Amino acid sequence: MTAAHVFQLHISLLYITPIIWRRIQIKDTCSFWDLHIAIQNAMGWHQTHGHLFKVMHPISETVLYIQEEGDLLSWETYVKPYIHHAPVVYCYDLEDHWDHCITLEQVLLINPTHTYPRCMDGARACPPEEIGGPWGYDEYLTAIHHPNHPRYQELMGRLGSTYQPEYFESCNVTFDDPQTLLSVRKQIGCK
């Protein structure tokens, strides 16, 4: 399948203020697995947890779940039929619930001089993993700025002191090859 268009997507992390967001462009031929990897790279996650997409069926308007197990597998399901219908919800880490709202901003002609996916813009650093989702992130931000906080030593020891919550530069985003990651995943025995 040859791509003719790109989807420009706005991705925002839910339940966190001020907002953490990214604007990316992906080919119109990508699967949800490809989109998952692009979001992981653009946000700064490490692909160590499960994911799912919650989408609206374009005809029946029922909610569908596209994930790593079940009827609709992320690497077998293409984004194109679903991206035009309501916002898509992407959940990373099914225990911590890092929920993202994905909105289609534009459909553009593919530019042969560009490499896709591309990160166009964004704001704020991705939260560290393993901190308990959005609610743990709030506590983490409070603790790292207050050495007298009861969890300051624990969080600094576990997560380090180099995290800069306001820092993000789209030019620093690099994208992994989703097919290579899928091949590795299948070789180690995952579905």
C-alpha atoms as a PDB file:
ATOM      1  CA  MET A   1       0.000   0.000   0.000  1.00  0.00           C
ATOM      2  CA  THR A   2       1.424   3.364  -1.008  1.00  0.00           C
ATOM      3  CA  ALA A   3       0.574   6.377   1.111  1.00  0.00           C
ATOM      4  CA  ALA A   4      -0.871   9.403  -0.642  1.00  0.00           C
ATOM      5  CA  HIS A   5      -1.738  11.432   2.432  1.00  0.00           C
ATOM      6  CA  VAL A   6      -0.616  12.067   5.960  1.00  0.00           C
ATOM      7  CA  PHE A   7      -2.756  12.567   9.014  1.00  0.00           C
ATOM      8  CA  GLN A   8      -1.761  15.419  11.278  1.00  0.00           C
ATOM      9  CA  LEU A   9      -2.743  14.435  14.807  1.00  0.00           C
ATOM     10  CA  HIS A  10      -2.903  16.349  18.069  1.00  0.00           C
ATOM     11  CA  ILE A  11      -2.192  14.056  21.031  1.00  0.00           C
ATOM     12  CA  SER A  12      -2.802  15.293  24.560  1.00  0.00           C
ATOM     13  CA  LEU A  13      -2.238  13.472  27.820  1.00  0.00           C
ATOM     14  CA  LEU A  14      -5.463  13.518  29.833  1.00  0.00           C
ATOM     15  CA  TYR A  15      -5.935  14.443  33.515  1.00  0.00           C
ATOM     16  CA  ILE A  16      -2.771  16.574  33.725  1.00  0.00           C
ATOM     17  CA  THR A  17      -2.474  20.352  33.856  1.00  0.00           C
ATOM     18  CA  PRO A  18      -0.807  22.205  32.373  1.00  0.00           C
ATOM     19  CA  ILE A  19      -1.343  20.069  29.319  1.00  0.00           C
ATOM     20  CA  ILE A  20       1.336  17.763  27.900  1.00  0.00           C
ATOM     21  CA  TRP A  21       0.801  17.396  24.158  1.00  0.00           C
ATOM     22  CA  ARG A  22       2.360  16.505  20.822  1.00  0.00           C
ATOM     23  CA  ARG A  23       1.518  17.182  17.177  1.00  0.00           C
ATOM     24  CA  ILE A  24       2.635  14.420  14.835  1.00  0.00           C
ATOM     25  CA  GLN A  25       2.163  13.464  11.203  1.00  0.00           C
ATOM     26  CA  ILE A  26       1.759   9.832  10.149  1.00  0.00           C
ATOM     27  CA  LYS A  27       1.155   8.168   6.795  1.00  0.00           C
ATOM     28  CA  ASP A  28      -2.461   7.294   6.011  1.00  0.00           C
ATOM     29  CA  THR A  29      -1.411   3.636   5.552  1.00  0.00           C
ATOM     30  CA  CYS A  30      -0.247   3.094   9.135  1.00  0.00           C
ATOM     31  CA  SER A  31      -1.656   0.533  11.522  1.00  0.00           C
ATOM     32  CA  PHE A  32      -2.548   1.204  15.133  1.00  0.00           C
ATOM     33  CA  TRP A  33       0.722  -0.533  16.066  1.00  0.00           C
ATOM     34  CA  ASP A  34       2.600   2.016  13.951  1.00  0.00           C
ATOM     35  CA  LEU A  35       0.669   4.815  15.668  1.00  0.00           C
ATOM     36  CA  HIS A  36       1.376   3.282  19.092  1.00  0.00           C
ATOM     37  CA  ILE A  37       5.130   3.319  18.409  1.00  0.00           C
ATOM     38  CA  ALA A  38       4.960   6.882  17.013  1.00  0.00           C
ATOM     39  CA  ILE A  39       3.144   8.083  20.156  1.00  0.00           C
ATOM     40  CA  GLN A  40       5.617   6.260  22.392  1.00  0.00           C
ATOM     41  CA  ASN A  41       8.520   7.975  20.642  1.00  0.00           C
ATOM     42  CA  ALA A  42       6.926  11.428  20.448  1.00  0.00           C
ATOM     43  CA  MET A  43       5.824  11.420  24.083  1.00  0.00           C
ATOM     44  CA  GLY A  44       8.998   9.835  25.441  1.00  0.00           C
ATOM     45  CA  TRP A  45       7.501   6.615  26.818  1.00  0.00           C
ATOM     46  CA  HIS A  46       9.578   3.411  26.785  1.00  0.00           C
ATOM     47  CA  GLN A  47       7.187   0.774  25.357  1.00  0.00           C
ATOM     48  CA  THR A  48       7.385  -1.365  28.485  1.00  0.00           C
ATOM     49  CA  HIS A  49       3.631  -1.648  29.131  1.00  0.00           C
ATOM     50  CA  GLY A  50       0.514  -2.710  27.291  1.00  0.00           C
ATOM     51  CA  HIS A  51      -1.631  -0.366  25.264  1.00  0.00           C
ATOM     52  CA  LEU A  52      -5.074  -0.081  23.760  1.00  0.00           C
ATOM     53  CA  PHE A  53      -6.965   2.273  21.491  1.00  0.00           C
ATOM     54  CA  LYS A  54     -10.628   3.047  22.039  1.00  0.00           C
ATOM     55  CA  VAL A  55     -12.301   3.998  18.744  1.00  0.00           C
ATOM     56  CA  MET A  56     -15.785   4.488  17.367  1.00  0.00           C
ATOM     57  CA  HIS A  57     -16.923   2.099  14.652  1.00  0.00           C
ATOM     58  CA  PRO A  58     -17.548   4.330  11.611  1.00  0.00           C
ATOM     59  CA  ILE A  59     -20.939   2.782  10.760  1.00  0.00           C
ATOM     60  CA  SER A  60     -22.464   1.243  13.898  1.00  0.00           C
ATOM     61  CA  GLU A  61     -20.957   3.873  16.223  1.00  0.00           C
ATOM     62  CA  THR A  62     -20.168   1.195  18.798  1.00  0.00           C
ATOM     63  CA  VAL A  63     -16.975   1.464  20.816  1.00  0.00           C
ATOM     64  CA  LEU A  64     -14.179  -0.862  19.705  1.00  0.00           C
ATOM     65  CA  TYR A  65     -10.954  -1.725  21.504  1.00  0.00           C
ATOM     66  CA  ILE A  66      -7.829  -2.217  19.420  1.00  0.00           C
ATOM     67  CA  GLN A  67      -4.976  -3.722  21.408  1.00  0.00           C
ATOM     68  CA  GLU A  68      -2.289  -6.382  21.640  1.00  0.00           C
ATOM     69  CA  GLU A  69      -4.755  -9.199  22.333  1.00  0.00           C
ATOM     70  CA  GLY A  70      -8.344  -9.873  21.286  1.00  0.00           C
ATOM     71  CA  ASP A  71     -10.302  -9.546  18.056  1.00  0.00           C
ATOM     72  CA  LEU A  72      -8.763  -6.296  16.785  1.00  0.00           C
ATOM     73  CA  LEU A  73      -4.981  -6.467  17.001  1.00  0.00           C
ATOM     74  CA  SER A  74      -3.143  -3.168  16.753  1.00  0.00           C
ATOM     75  CA  TRP A  75      -0.701  -4.429  14.089  1.00  0.00           C
ATOM     76  CA  GLU A  76      -3.526  -5.790  11.898  1.00  0.00           C
ATOM     77  CA  THR A  77      -5.918  -2.833  12.161  1.00  0.00           C
ATOM     78  CA  TYR A  78      -5.383   0.309  10.115  1.00  0.00           C
ATOM     79  CA  VAL A  79      -5.927   3.822  11.437  1.00  0.00           C
ATOM     80  CA  LYS A  80      -7.578   5.256   8.323  1.00  0.00           C
ATOM     81  CA  PRO A  81     -11.147   3.932   8.774  1.00  0.00           C
ATOM     82  CA  TYR A  82     -11.353   5.150  12.383  1.00  0.00           C
ATOM     83  CA  ILE A  83      -9.398   8.399  12.666  1.00  0.00           C
ATOM     84  CA  HIS A  84     -12.186  10.574  11.244  1.00  0.00           C
ATOM     85  CA  HIS A  85     -14.718   9.548  13.919  1.00  0.00           C
ATOM     86  CA  ALA A  86     -14.683  11.335  17.285  1.00  0.00           C
ATOM     87  CA  PRO A  87     -11.459  11.577  19.217  1.00  0.00           C
ATOM     88  CA  VAL A  88      -9.540   8.340  19.546  1.00  0.00           C
ATOM     89  CA  VAL A  89      -8.419   7.433  23.060  1.00  0.00           C
ATOM     90  CA  TYR A  90      -5.034   5.797  23.483  1.00  0.00           C
ATOM     91  CA  CYS A  91      -4.214   4.210  26.832  1.00  0.00           C
ATOM     92  CA  TYR A  92      -0.641   3.318  27.669  1.00  0.00           C
ATOM     93  CA  ASP A  93       0.115   1.227  30.760  1.00  0.00           C
ATOM     94  CA  LEU A  94      -3.222  -0.349  31.576  1.00  0.00           C
ATOM     95  CA  GLU A  95      -2.509  -0.142  35.313  1.00  0.00           C
ATOM     96  CA  ASP A  96      -1.370   3.478  35.555  1.00  0.00           C
ATOM     97  CA  HIS A  97      -3.827   4.651  32.863  1.00  0.00           C
ATOM     98  CA  TRP A  98      -1.868   7.176  30.866  1.00  0.00           C
ATOM     99  CA  ASP A  99      -4.821   8.142  28.678  1.00  0.00           C
ATOM    100  CA  HIS A 100      -4.260  10.276  25.589  1.00  0.00           C
ATOM    101  CA  CYS A 101      -6.826  12.045  23.418  1.00  0.00           C
ATOM    102  CA  ILE A 102      -5.969  11.858  19.711  1.00  0.00           C
ATOM    103  CA  THR A 103      -7.661  14.358  17.413  1.00  0.00           C
ATOM    104  CA  LEU A 104      -7.302  14.548  13.647  1.00  0.00           C
ATOM    105  CA  GLU A 105      -6.291  18.112  12.766  1.00  0.00           C
ATOM    106  CA  GLN A 106      -5.647  17.861   9.029  1.00  0.00           C
ATOM    107  CA  VAL A 107      -5.277  15.477   6.119  1.00  0.00           C
ATOM    108  CA  LEU A 108      -2.373  16.611   3.960  1.00  0.00           C
ATOM    109  CA  LEU A 109      -0.734  15.418   0.777  1.00  0.00           C
ATOM    110  CA  ILE A 110       2.377  13.419   1.480  1.00  0.00           C
ATOM    111  CA  ASN A 111       5.564  15.400   0.987  1.00  0.00           C
ATOM    112  CA  PRO A 112       8.176  13.187  -0.688  1.00  0.00           C
ATOM    113  CA  THR A 113      10.989  15.187   0.897  1.00  0.00           C
ATOM    114  CA  HIS A 114       9.831  14.340   4.441  1.00  0.00           C
ATOM    115  CA  THR A 115      10.252  11.189   6.485  1.00  0.00           C
ATOM    116  CA  TYR A 116       7.203   9.985   8.408  1.00  0.00           C
ATOM    117  CA  PRO A 117       6.244   9.850  11.176  1.00  0.00           C
ATOM    118  CA  ARG A 118       7.249  13.384  12.116  1.00  0.00           C
ATOM    119  CA  CYS A 119       6.880  15.298  15.354  1.00  0.00           C
ATOM    120  CA  MET A 120       5.886  18.845  14.494  1.00  0.00           C
ATOM    121  CA  ASP A 121       5.412  20.432  17.899  1.00  0.00           C
ATOM    122  CA  GLY A 122       4.560  19.790  21.512  1.00  0.00           C
ATOM    123  CA  ALA A 123       4.734  21.040  25.057  1.00  0.00           C
ATOM    124  CA  ARG A 124       6.180  19.768  28.309  1.00  0.00           C
ATOM    125  CA  ALA A 125       8.112  16.609  29.091  1.00  0.00           C
ATOM    126  CA  CYS A 126       6.496  13.220  29.282  1.00  0.00           C
ATOM    127  CA  PRO A 127       5.998  12.064  32.891  1.00  0.00           C
ATOM    128  CA  PRO A 128       8.381   9.401  34.186  1.00  0.00           C
ATOM    129  CA  GLU A 129       7.047   5.850  34.050  1.00  0.00           C
ATOM    130  CA  GLU A 130       6.236   3.837  37.171  1.00  0.00           C
ATOM    131  CA  ILE A 131       4.913   6.750  39.234  1.00  0.00           C
ATOM    132  CA  GLY A 132       1.256   5.777  39.452  1.00  0.00           C
ATOM    133  CA  GLY A 133      -0.317   7.532  36.494  1.00  0.00           C
ATOM    134  CA  PRO A 134      -1.609  11.120  36.473  1.00  0.00           C
ATOM    135  CA  TRP A 135      -2.328  11.114  40.197  1.00  0.00           C
ATOM    136  CA  GLY A 136       1.129   9.840  41.090  1.00  0.00           C
ATOM    137  CA  TYR A 137       2.578  12.425  38.717  1.00  0.00           C
ATOM    138  CA  ASP A 138       0.961  15.252  40.687  1.00  0.00           C
ATOM    139  CA  GLU A 139       2.560  13.942  43.873  1.00  0.00           C
ATOM    140  CA  TYR A 140       5.887  13.475  42.083  1.00  0.00           C
ATOM    141  CA  LEU A 141       5.913  17.103  40.882  1.00  0.00           C
ATOM    142  CA  THR A 142       5.167  18.304  44.397  1.00  0.00           C
ATOM    143  CA  ALA A 143       7.817  16.064  45.965  1.00  0.00           C
ATOM    144  CA  ILE A 144      10.701  16.920  43.615  1.00  0.00           C
ATOM    145  CA  HIS A 145      10.348  20.609  44.447  1.00  0.00           C
ATOM    146  CA  HIS A 146      10.112  20.133  48.214  1.00  0.00           C
ATOM    147  CA  PRO A 147      13.012  18.282  49.886  1.00  0.00           C
ATOM    148  CA  ASN A 148      10.949  18.016  53.086  1.00  0.00           C
ATOM    149  CA  HIS A 149       8.181  16.083  51.294  1.00  0.00           C
ATOM    150  CA  PRO A 150       7.795  12.594  52.872  1.00  0.00           C
ATOM    151  CA  ARG A 151       8.493  10.859  49.518  1.00  0.00           C
ATOM    152  CA  TYR A 152      11.277  13.169  48.305  1.00  0.00           C
ATOM    153  CA  GLN A 153      14.173  10.774  49.034  1.00  0.00           C
ATOM    154  CA  GLU A 154      12.346   7.733  47.654  1.00  0.00           C
ATOM    155  CA  LEU A 155      11.366   9.439  44.392  1.00  0.00           C
ATOM    156  CA  MET A 156      14.740  11.069  43.869  1.00  0.00           C
ATOM    157  CA  GLY A 157      16.484   7.754  44.521  1.00  0.00           C
ATOM    158  CA  ARG A 158      14.215   5.849  42.173  1.00  0.00           C
ATOM    159  CA  LEU A 159      13.692   8.394  39.404  1.00  0.00           C
ATOM    160  CA  GLY A 160      16.612  10.780  39.713  1.00  0.00           C
ATOM    161  CA  SER A 161      16.739  14.530  39.793  1.00  0.00           C
ATOM    162  CA  THR A 162      17.285  15.267  36.100  1.00  0.00           C
ATOM    163  CA  TYR A 163      13.599  15.444  35.138  1.00  0.00           C
ATOM    164  CA  GLN A 164      12.594  18.850  33.767  1.00  0.00           C
ATOM    165  CA  PRO A 165       8.780  18.928  33.476  1.00  0.00           C
ATOM    166  CA  GLU A 166       8.662  22.004  31.232  1.00  0.00           C
ATOM    167  CA  TYR A 167      11.285  20.828  28.729  1.00  0.00           C
ATOM    168  CA  PHE A 168      10.334  19.494  25.307  1.00  0.00           C
ATOM    169  CA  GLU A 169      11.840  20.051  21.862  1.00  0.00           C
ATOM    170  CA  SER A 170      10.279  18.333  18.875  1.00  0.00           C
ATOM    171  CA  CYS A 171      13.625  18.334  17.031  1.00  0.00           C
ATOM    172  CA  ASN A 172      14.942  15.816  19.596  1.00  0.00           C
ATOM    173  CA  VAL A 173      12.279  13.202  18.801  1.00  0.00           C
ATOM    174  CA  THR A 174      13.470  10.171  16.850  1.00  0.00           C
ATOM    175  CA  PHE A 175      11.206   7.389  15.652  1.00  0.00           C
ATOM    176  CA  ASP A 176      11.788   3.651  15.924  1.00  0.00           C
ATOM    177  CA  ASP A 177      10.846   1.286  13.115  1.00  0.00           C
ATOM    178  CA  PRO A 178       7.549  -0.288  14.256  1.00  0.00           C
ATOM    179  CA  GLN A 179       8.028  -3.399  12.090  1.00  0.00           C
ATOM    180  CA  THR A 180      11.398  -4.145  13.676  1.00  0.00           C
ATOM    181  CA  LEU A 181       9.879  -3.795  17.145  1.00  0.00           C
ATOM    182  CA  LEU A 182       6.960  -6.023  16.158  1.00  0.00           C
ATOM    183  CA  SER A 183       9.350  -8.699  14.838  1.00  0.00           C
ATOM    184  CA  VAL A 184      11.301  -8.618  18.102  1.00  0.00           C
ATOM    185  CA  ARG A 185       8.051  -8.824  20.060  1.00  0.00           C
ATOM    186  CA  LYS A 186       6.942 -11.892  18.100  1.00  0.00           C
ATOM    187  CA  GLN A 187      10.366 -13.558  18.462  1.00  0.00           C
ATOM    188  CA  ILE A 188      10.206 -13.359  22.248  1.00  0.00           C
ATOM    189  CA  GLY A 189       6.820 -15.076  22.233  1.00  0.00           C
ATOM    190  CA  CYS A 190       4.354 -12.237  22.524  1.00  0.00           C
ATOM    191  CA  LYS A 191       1.303 -12.319  20.290  1.00  0.00           C
END
